[in-house]
Amino acid sequence: MVKAIPQSPGFFTADQANGMLPLVRRIVADWVELNATVESQQAQLEGLKTLHQTVGVRAYSEEVAEVEQSLQAERDRLVECYNELESLGLEPHAEEIGSVDFPAILHGREVRLCWRVGEPDVRHWHEIGGSISERQLITLSTQRMGG
């Protein structure tokens, strides 16, 4: 059973965050893959536009149009993944590594539980606005986050 409803409105316990991970992993995997595809297509498009300007061949115009259309579709899907994560009450960031924050309460103050691709579960937290490098391990004294 997925424990997706925060104990306090808008906040998650570590157990609730971990209960959501099967769904979050699938969405974030798509998000990271789409981000890589968008970056690759943007580089391809820049190369094609440079080549088209240099050579001026009409065939490149058609290829540029195709890549632009594909790129827009991938960007739209990327936004959908982001929006889906937000609709779950999460704060997605750093799409290149697939990092997601879960709002939480720790000792009466608002913090963020954090997880990123490759981690088995939610084991870290950080202050609001803190970077990934400032993450702290959830200890026994911090395990009861969420209320």
Protein backbone atom coordinates (compact mmCIF):
# COMPACT_ATOMS: atom_id res chain seq x y z
CA MET A 1 0.00 0.00 0.00
CA VAL A 2 1.38 3.41 -0.94
CA LYS A 3 1.29 5.87 1.95
CA ALA A 4 0.86 8.92 -0.27
CA ILE A 5 -1.14 11.20 2.01
CA PRO A 6 1.04 13.42 4.19
CA GLN A 7 0.40 13.26 7.94
CA SER A 8 0.27 17.06 8.15
CA PRO A 9 -1.27 18.76 5.11
CA GLY A 10 1.49 19.24 2.55
CA PHE A 11 4.19 17.49 4.60
CA PHE A 12 5.61 13.98 4.45
CA THR A 13 7.16 11.65 6.98
CA ALA A 14 10.17 9.61 5.86
CA ASP A 15 7.90 6.51 5.80
CA GLN A 16 5.37 8.28 3.59
CA ALA A 17 8.10 9.50 1.24
CA ASN A 18 9.53 5.98 0.98
CA GLY A 19 6.05 4.58 0.37
CA MET A 20 5.74 6.84 -2.67
CA LEU A 21 9.09 5.85 -4.17
CA PRO A 22 7.82 3.14 -6.56
CA LEU A 23 5.69 5.75 -8.34
CA VAL A 24 8.26 8.54 -7.99
CA ARG A 25 11.03 6.32 -9.41
CA ARG A 26 9.01 5.67 -12.59
CA ILE A 27 8.19 9.34 -13.11
CA VAL A 28 11.74 10.50 -12.36
CA ALA A 29 13.26 7.87 -14.67
CA ASP A 30 11.14 9.27 -17.52
CA TRP A 31 12.02 12.82 -16.47
CA VAL A 32 15.78 12.16 -16.51
CA GLU A 33 15.61 10.29 -19.83
CA LEU A 34 13.53 13.04 -21.44
CA ASN A 35 15.94 15.69 -20.18
CA ALA A 36 18.86 13.84 -21.81
CA THR A 37 16.88 13.51 -25.05
CA VAL A 38 16.01 17.22 -25.05
CA GLU A 39 19.64 18.20 -24.46
CA SER A 40 20.78 15.89 -27.28
CA GLN A 41 18.15 17.19 -29.69
CA GLN A 42 19.02 20.80 -28.83
CA ALA A 43 22.67 20.12 -29.67
CA GLN A 44 21.63 18.39 -32.90
CA LEU A 45 19.38 21.31 -33.81
CA GLU A 46 22.14 23.85 -33.19
CA GLY A 47 24.47 21.85 -35.44
CA LEU A 48 21.87 21.60 -38.19
CA LYS A 49 21.11 25.32 -38.05
CA THR A 50 24.81 26.16 -38.28
CA LEU A 51 25.23 23.76 -41.21
CA HIS A 52 22.12 25.14 -42.93
CA GLN A 53 23.41 28.72 -42.59
CA THR A 54 26.83 27.71 -43.91
CA VAL A 55 25.75 25.46 -46.79
CA GLY A 56 22.24 26.77 -47.44
CA VAL A 57 20.90 23.44 -48.67
CA ARG A 58 17.10 23.08 -48.59
CA ALA A 59 17.30 19.49 -47.31
CA TYR A 60 18.66 20.80 -44.05
CA SER A 61 15.61 23.04 -43.67
CA GLU A 62 13.36 19.99 -43.65
CA GLU A 63 15.57 18.19 -41.14
CA VAL A 64 15.66 21.31 -38.93
CA ALA A 65 11.87 21.45 -38.99
CA GLU A 66 11.61 17.75 -38.06
CA VAL A 67 14.05 18.09 -35.16
CA GLU A 68 12.28 21.25 -33.94
CA GLN A 69 8.94 19.42 -33.96
CA SER A 70 10.38 16.41 -32.12
CA LEU A 71 12.16 18.67 -29.64
CA GLN A 72 8.94 20.51 -28.80
CA ALA A 73 7.11 17.21 -28.22
CA GLU A 74 9.87 16.02 -25.88
CA ARG A 75 9.85 19.36 -24.02
CA ASP A 76 6.09 19.01 -23.56
CA ARG A 77 6.55 15.50 -22.13
CA LEU A 78 9.32 16.80 -19.85
CA VAL A 79 6.96 19.46 -18.48
CA GLU A 80 4.28 16.79 -17.96
CA CYS A 81 6.68 14.73 -15.80
CA TYR A 82 7.60 17.82 -13.78
CA ASN A 83 3.93 18.70 -13.31
CA GLU A 84 3.09 15.14 -12.28
CA LEU A 85 5.74 15.25 -9.56
CA GLU A 86 4.45 18.62 -8.36
CA SER A 87 0.87 17.30 -8.30
CA LEU A 88 2.06 14.68 -5.79
CA GLY A 89 3.24 17.49 -3.51
CA LEU A 90 6.92 17.05 -4.42
CA GLU A 91 9.54 19.56 -5.49
CA PRO A 92 11.50 18.24 -8.47
CA HIS A 93 14.89 19.77 -9.24
CA ALA A 94 18.18 18.86 -10.90
CA GLU A 95 16.58 16.86 -13.72
CA GLU A 96 19.99 15.82 -15.01
CA ILE A 97 20.43 13.65 -11.87
CA GLY A 98 16.77 13.14 -10.97
CA SER A 99 16.52 14.80 -7.57
CA VAL A 100 13.21 15.27 -5.75
CA ASP A 101 12.35 16.93 -2.43
CA PHE A 102 9.50 16.02 -0.08
CA PRO A 103 8.33 18.85 2.20
CA ALA A 104 8.62 17.81 5.86
CA ILE A 105 8.66 19.13 9.41
CA LEU A 106 11.70 18.52 11.60
CA HIS A 107 11.66 19.64 15.22
CA GLY A 108 8.95 22.19 14.44
CA ARG A 109 10.58 23.72 11.35
CA GLU A 110 10.01 23.11 7.68
CA VAL A 111 12.74 21.17 5.85
CA ARG A 112 13.02 18.95 2.77
CA LEU A 113 13.48 15.21 2.68
CA CYS A 114 15.43 14.45 -0.46
CA TRP A 115 15.92 11.54 -2.81
CA ARG A 116 17.69 11.13 -6.13
CA VAL A 117 17.99 8.44 -8.76
CA GLY A 118 20.11 5.51 -7.66
CA GLU A 119 19.33 5.80 -3.96
CA PRO A 120 17.40 2.87 -2.48
CA ASP A 121 15.16 5.06 -0.33
CA VAL A 122 14.73 8.50 1.20
CA ARG A 123 17.65 8.76 3.64
CA HIS A 124 18.54 12.45 3.61
CA TRP A 125 17.12 15.85 4.42
CA HIS A 126 18.24 19.46 4.00
CA GLU A 127 17.15 22.95 4.92
CA ILE A 128 14.83 24.78 2.52
CA GLY A 129 16.98 26.20 -0.25
CA GLY A 130 19.88 23.94 0.67
CA SER A 131 21.85 22.23 -2.05
CA ILE A 132 22.34 18.52 -2.59
CA SER A 133 25.83 18.86 -1.11
CA GLU A 134 24.27 20.08 2.18
CA ARG A 135 22.14 16.99 2.69
CA GLN A 136 22.18 15.34 6.09
CA LEU A 137 21.47 11.72 6.90
CA ILE A 138 18.14 10.97 8.57
CA THR A 139 18.98 9.59 12.02
CA LEU A 140 16.84 8.02 14.73
CA SER A 141 16.18 11.47 16.14
CA THR A 142 14.97 12.75 12.75
CA GLN A 143 12.98 9.67 11.66
CA ARG A 144 9.67 10.94 13.04
CA MET A 145 9.50 13.86 10.63
CA GLY A 146 6.12 15.03 9.47
CA GLY A 147 4.42 16.50 12.46
